[in-house]
Amino acid sequence: MDDNPETPIPKEHKKPGPKPGTKRIPKDGSKIKLKHTPKTAKEDVLKRYKNVTEWGIYGIDKFTLGFIDMLWKNPEITFHVTDTNASRLDNLNRTIAQRSFSMYRWEVYPPSGFIEAPVVDVILCSRELYEEAKQRPNPYGVSLVLLEEV
């Protein structure tokens, strides 16, 4: 072994980067937009449509299901629901039927005519069926909302 006390001890190499506690801001000065989670999407929709008590749901996915669960706590809200996948809608019907007052708050419709002859002013669409919903005739100008992009 080398007993020479003048041999330098190697230091750990640090990666160059911002110091801890500094914020990373894009060069163009804009903020970074984060993807919506079901919770933030629901909050944004409720801010925009706070006076709506009858919601149309066109297609079921995790975002729309989370939205239904959150709004179910308010007994004044009614849901008008459809989905092109009948088995998915049937399974959700069984789940909702077990909740209190579901027969007064939960209406199921066939997909044909749901947008063309609406019973609500705002329809939430699932990601899967959003493009189809936009292509359907909308003579009454119903608002079609995709929760993930609010």
C-alpha atoms as a PDB file:
ATOM      1  CA  MET A   1       0.000   0.000   0.000  1.00  0.00           C
ATOM      2  CA  ASP A   2       0.976   3.547  -0.566  1.00  0.00           C
ATOM      3  CA  ASP A   3       1.556   5.367   2.690  1.00  0.00           C
ATOM      4  CA  ASN A   4       2.137   8.708   1.009  1.00  0.00           C
ATOM      5  CA  PRO A   5      -0.054  11.297   2.837  1.00  0.00           C
ATOM      6  CA  GLU A   6       0.074  13.676  -0.147  1.00  0.00           C
ATOM      7  CA  THR A   7      -2.116  11.469  -2.368  1.00  0.00           C
ATOM      8  CA  PRO A   8      -5.392  13.350  -2.973  1.00  0.00           C
ATOM      9  CA  ILE A   9      -8.640  11.611  -2.130  1.00  0.00           C
ATOM     10  CA  PRO A  10     -10.983  11.601  -5.165  1.00  0.00           C
ATOM     11  CA  LYS A  11     -14.158  13.662  -4.708  1.00  0.00           C
ATOM     12  CA  GLU A  12     -17.559  12.475  -5.899  1.00  0.00           C
ATOM     13  CA  HIS A  13     -18.542  13.903  -9.244  1.00  0.00           C
ATOM     14  CA  LYS A  14     -21.780  15.902  -9.195  1.00  0.00           C
ATOM     15  CA  LYS A  15     -24.026  16.312 -12.191  1.00  0.00           C
ATOM     16  CA  PRO A  16     -24.357  19.890 -13.370  1.00  0.00           C
ATOM     17  CA  GLY A  17     -27.853  21.251 -12.965  1.00  0.00           C
ATOM     18  CA  PRO A  18     -29.974  23.739 -11.105  1.00  0.00           C
ATOM     19  CA  LYS A  19     -29.375  24.257  -7.442  1.00  0.00           C
ATOM     20  CA  PRO A  20     -31.905  22.751  -5.065  1.00  0.00           C
ATOM     21  CA  GLY A  21     -34.897  24.994  -4.489  1.00  0.00           C
ATOM     22  CA  THR A  22     -34.812  26.693  -7.895  1.00  0.00           C
ATOM     23  CA  LYS A  23     -37.780  26.405 -10.227  1.00  0.00           C
ATOM     24  CA  ARG A  24     -37.437  25.189 -13.769  1.00  0.00           C
ATOM     25  CA  ILE A  25     -39.174  27.635 -16.070  1.00  0.00           C
ATOM     26  CA  PRO A  26     -39.392  27.005 -19.828  1.00  0.00           C
ATOM     27  CA  LYS A  27     -37.330  29.372 -21.970  1.00  0.00           C
ATOM     28  CA  ASP A  28     -40.412  30.808 -23.662  1.00  0.00           C
ATOM     29  CA  GLY A  29     -41.840  31.796 -20.258  1.00  0.00           C
ATOM     30  CA  SER A  30     -44.984  29.674 -20.484  1.00  0.00           C
ATOM     31  CA  LYS A  31     -46.139  27.364 -17.744  1.00  0.00           C
ATOM     32  CA  ILE A  32     -45.974  23.620 -18.071  1.00  0.00           C
ATOM     33  CA  LYS A  33     -49.457  22.162 -18.452  1.00  0.00           C
ATOM     34  CA  LEU A  34     -49.916  18.939 -16.527  1.00  0.00           C
ATOM     35  CA  LYS A  35     -52.207  16.127 -17.643  1.00  0.00           C
ATOM     36  CA  HIS A  36     -55.572  16.069 -15.940  1.00  0.00           C
ATOM     37  CA  THR A  37     -56.274  13.550 -13.254  1.00  0.00           C
ATOM     38  CA  PRO A  38     -59.896  12.591 -12.693  1.00  0.00           C
ATOM     39  CA  LYS A  39     -59.961  14.814  -9.597  1.00  0.00           C
ATOM     40  CA  THR A  40     -58.639  17.982 -11.268  1.00  0.00           C
ATOM     41  CA  ALA A  41     -60.812  17.426 -14.330  1.00  0.00           C
ATOM     42  CA  LYS A  42     -63.925  17.145 -12.170  1.00  0.00           C
ATOM     43  CA  GLU A  43     -63.063  20.324 -10.293  1.00  0.00           C
ATOM     44  CA  ASP A  44     -62.554  22.251 -13.541  1.00  0.00           C
ATOM     45  CA  VAL A  45     -65.846  21.041 -15.015  1.00  0.00           C
ATOM     46  CA  LEU A  46     -67.724  21.933 -11.841  1.00  0.00           C
ATOM     47  CA  LYS A  47     -66.278  25.459 -11.917  1.00  0.00           C
ATOM     48  CA  ARG A  48     -67.393  25.914 -15.508  1.00  0.00           C
ATOM     49  CA  TYR A  49     -70.834  24.278 -15.183  1.00  0.00           C
ATOM     50  CA  LYS A  50     -71.673  24.918 -11.534  1.00  0.00           C
ATOM     51  CA  ASN A  51     -75.413  25.503 -12.080  1.00  0.00           C
ATOM     52  CA  VAL A  52     -76.074  22.321 -14.080  1.00  0.00           C
ATOM     53  CA  THR A  53     -78.261  19.791 -12.258  1.00  0.00           C
ATOM     54  CA  GLU A  54     -78.943  17.401 -15.153  1.00  0.00           C
ATOM     55  CA  TRP A  55     -75.882  15.793 -16.713  1.00  0.00           C
ATOM     56  CA  GLY A  56     -75.738  13.706 -19.872  1.00  0.00           C
ATOM     57  CA  ILE A  57     -73.077  10.988 -20.004  1.00  0.00           C
ATOM     58  CA  TYR A  58     -72.123   9.598 -23.428  1.00  0.00           C
ATOM     59  CA  GLY A  59     -69.834   6.619 -22.819  1.00  0.00           C
ATOM     60  CA  ILE A  60     -68.373   5.229 -19.619  1.00  0.00           C
ATOM     61  CA  ASP A  61     -64.666   5.315 -18.726  1.00  0.00           C
ATOM     62  CA  LYS A  62     -62.659   5.973 -15.563  1.00  0.00           C
ATOM     63  CA  PHE A  63     -63.053   9.761 -15.857  1.00  0.00           C
ATOM     64  CA  THR A  64     -66.826   9.742 -16.335  1.00  0.00           C
ATOM     65  CA  LEU A  65     -67.285   7.071 -13.672  1.00  0.00           C
ATOM     66  CA  GLY A  66     -65.251   9.124 -11.196  1.00  0.00           C
ATOM     67  CA  PHE A  67     -67.326  12.178 -12.095  1.00  0.00           C
ATOM     68  CA  ILE A  68     -70.563  10.287 -11.469  1.00  0.00           C
ATOM     69  CA  ASP A  69     -69.276   9.049  -8.106  1.00  0.00           C
ATOM     70  CA  MET A  70     -68.311  12.570  -7.050  1.00  0.00           C
ATOM     71  CA  LEU A  71     -71.611  14.156  -8.140  1.00  0.00           C
ATOM     72  CA  TRP A  72     -73.717  11.399  -6.598  1.00  0.00           C
ATOM     73  CA  LYS A  73     -73.140  13.027  -3.209  1.00  0.00           C
ATOM     74  CA  ASN A  74     -75.359  15.918  -4.322  1.00  0.00           C
ATOM     75  CA  PRO A  75     -78.969  14.635  -4.250  1.00  0.00           C
ATOM     76  CA  GLU A  76     -80.225  17.350  -6.620  1.00  0.00           C
ATOM     77  CA  ILE A  77     -78.245  16.067  -9.604  1.00  0.00           C
ATOM     78  CA  THR A  78     -79.811  13.761 -12.201  1.00  0.00           C
ATOM     79  CA  PHE A  79     -77.888  11.642 -14.729  1.00  0.00           C
ATOM     80  CA  HIS A  80     -78.984  10.726 -18.258  1.00  0.00           C
ATOM     81  CA  VAL A  81     -76.622   8.036 -19.505  1.00  0.00           C
ATOM     82  CA  THR A  82     -75.908   6.086 -22.666  1.00  0.00           C
ATOM     83  CA  ASP A  83     -73.076   4.008 -24.083  1.00  0.00           C
ATOM     84  CA  THR A  84     -72.637   2.200 -27.383  1.00  0.00           C
ATOM     85  CA  ASN A  85     -71.239  -0.788 -25.472  1.00  0.00           C
ATOM     86  CA  ALA A  86     -74.390  -2.301 -23.947  1.00  0.00           C
ATOM     87  CA  SER A  87     -72.591  -4.657 -21.556  1.00  0.00           C
ATOM     88  CA  ARG A  88     -70.582  -1.812 -20.017  1.00  0.00           C
ATOM     89  CA  LEU A  89     -73.778   0.159 -19.473  1.00  0.00           C
ATOM     90  CA  ASP A  90     -75.572  -2.879 -18.012  1.00  0.00           C
ATOM     91  CA  ASN A  91     -72.781  -3.459 -15.511  1.00  0.00           C
ATOM     92  CA  LEU A  92     -72.882   0.173 -14.435  1.00  0.00           C
ATOM     93  CA  ASN A  93     -76.678  -0.009 -14.106  1.00  0.00           C
ATOM     94  CA  ARG A  94     -76.363  -2.865 -11.655  1.00  0.00           C
ATOM     95  CA  THR A  95     -73.905  -0.880  -9.581  1.00  0.00           C
ATOM     96  CA  ILE A  96     -75.941   2.332  -9.593  1.00  0.00           C
ATOM     97  CA  ALA A  97     -79.204   0.515  -8.851  1.00  0.00           C
ATOM     98  CA  GLN A  98     -77.855  -0.379  -5.417  1.00  0.00           C
ATOM     99  CA  ARG A  99     -77.450   3.275  -4.459  1.00  0.00           C
ATOM    100  CA  SER A 100     -80.078   5.275  -2.646  1.00  0.00           C
ATOM    101  CA  PHE A 101     -82.718   7.074  -4.733  1.00  0.00           C
ATOM    102  CA  SER A 102     -81.182   5.791  -7.971  1.00  0.00           C
ATOM    103  CA  MET A 103     -84.604   5.294  -9.576  1.00  0.00           C
ATOM    104  CA  TYR A 104     -85.182   9.058  -9.367  1.00  0.00           C
ATOM    105  CA  ARG A 105     -81.726  10.191 -10.423  1.00  0.00           C
ATOM    106  CA  TRP A 106     -80.537   7.692 -13.035  1.00  0.00           C
ATOM    107  CA  GLU A 107     -82.014   7.463 -16.547  1.00  0.00           C
ATOM    108  CA  VAL A 108     -80.652   5.212 -19.312  1.00  0.00           C
ATOM    109  CA  TYR A 109     -81.204   5.982 -23.000  1.00  0.00           C
ATOM    110  CA  PRO A 110     -80.277   4.294 -26.269  1.00  0.00           C
ATOM    111  CA  PRO A 111     -77.323   5.935 -28.076  1.00  0.00           C
ATOM    112  CA  SER A 112     -79.404   6.813 -31.147  1.00  0.00           C
ATOM    113  CA  GLY A 113     -81.009  10.196 -30.662  1.00  0.00           C
ATOM    114  CA  PHE A 114     -79.121  10.992 -27.443  1.00  0.00           C
ATOM    115  CA  ILE A 115     -77.379  13.990 -29.017  1.00  0.00           C
ATOM    116  CA  GLU A 116     -79.855  14.646 -31.818  1.00  0.00           C
ATOM    117  CA  ALA A 117     -82.856  14.994 -29.453  1.00  0.00           C
ATOM    118  CA  PRO A 118     -81.208  15.838 -26.121  1.00  0.00           C
ATOM    119  CA  VAL A 119     -82.811  16.026 -22.707  1.00  0.00           C
ATOM    120  CA  VAL A 120     -79.835  17.895 -21.203  1.00  0.00           C
ATOM    121  CA  ASP A 121     -77.724  20.931 -22.100  1.00  0.00           C
ATOM    122  CA  VAL A 122     -74.306  19.439 -21.241  1.00  0.00           C
ATOM    123  CA  ILE A 123     -73.074  15.985 -22.236  1.00  0.00           C
ATOM    124  CA  LEU A 124     -69.864  14.501 -20.847  1.00  0.00           C
ATOM    125  CA  CYS A 125     -68.169  12.166 -23.311  1.00  0.00           C
ATOM    126  CA  SER A 126     -65.692   9.386 -22.762  1.00  0.00           C
ATOM    127  CA  ARG A 127     -62.397   9.516 -24.654  1.00  0.00           C
ATOM    128  CA  GLU A 128     -63.417   6.496 -26.731  1.00  0.00           C
ATOM    129  CA  LEU A 129     -66.706   7.984 -27.978  1.00  0.00           C
ATOM    130  CA  TYR A 130     -65.825  11.689 -28.155  1.00  0.00           C
ATOM    131  CA  GLU A 131     -64.973  11.714 -31.883  1.00  0.00           C
ATOM    132  CA  GLU A 132     -68.160   9.813 -32.678  1.00  0.00           C
ATOM    133  CA  ALA A 133     -70.204  12.263 -30.610  1.00  0.00           C
ATOM    134  CA  LYS A 134     -68.696  15.263 -32.424  1.00  0.00           C
ATOM    135  CA  GLN A 135     -69.589  13.768 -35.807  1.00  0.00           C
ATOM    136  CA  ARG A 136     -73.241  13.214 -34.931  1.00  0.00           C
ATOM    137  CA  PRO A 137     -75.773  15.916 -35.831  1.00  0.00           C
ATOM    138  CA  ASN A 138     -76.187  18.401 -33.011  1.00  0.00           C
ATOM    139  CA  PRO A 139     -79.120  20.638 -34.050  1.00  0.00           C
ATOM    140  CA  TYR A 140     -79.676  22.074 -30.555  1.00  0.00           C
ATOM    141  CA  GLY A 141     -76.055  23.021 -29.896  1.00  0.00           C
ATOM    142  CA  VAL A 142     -75.557  20.800 -26.864  1.00  0.00           C
ATOM    143  CA  SER A 143     -72.165  21.259 -25.182  1.00  0.00           C
ATOM    144  CA  LEU A 144     -70.029  18.137 -25.622  1.00  0.00           C
ATOM    145  CA  VAL A 145     -67.341  17.977 -22.927  1.00  0.00           C
ATOM    146  CA  LEU A 146     -64.356  15.659 -22.815  1.00  0.00           C
ATOM    147  CA  LEU A 147     -63.308  15.526 -19.169  1.00  0.00           C
ATOM    148  CA  GLU A 148     -59.681  14.808 -19.947  1.00  0.00           C
ATOM    149  CA  GLU A 149     -59.265  18.014 -21.965  1.00  0.00           C
ATOM    150  CA  VAL A 150     -61.155  20.572 -19.882  1.00  0.00           C
END
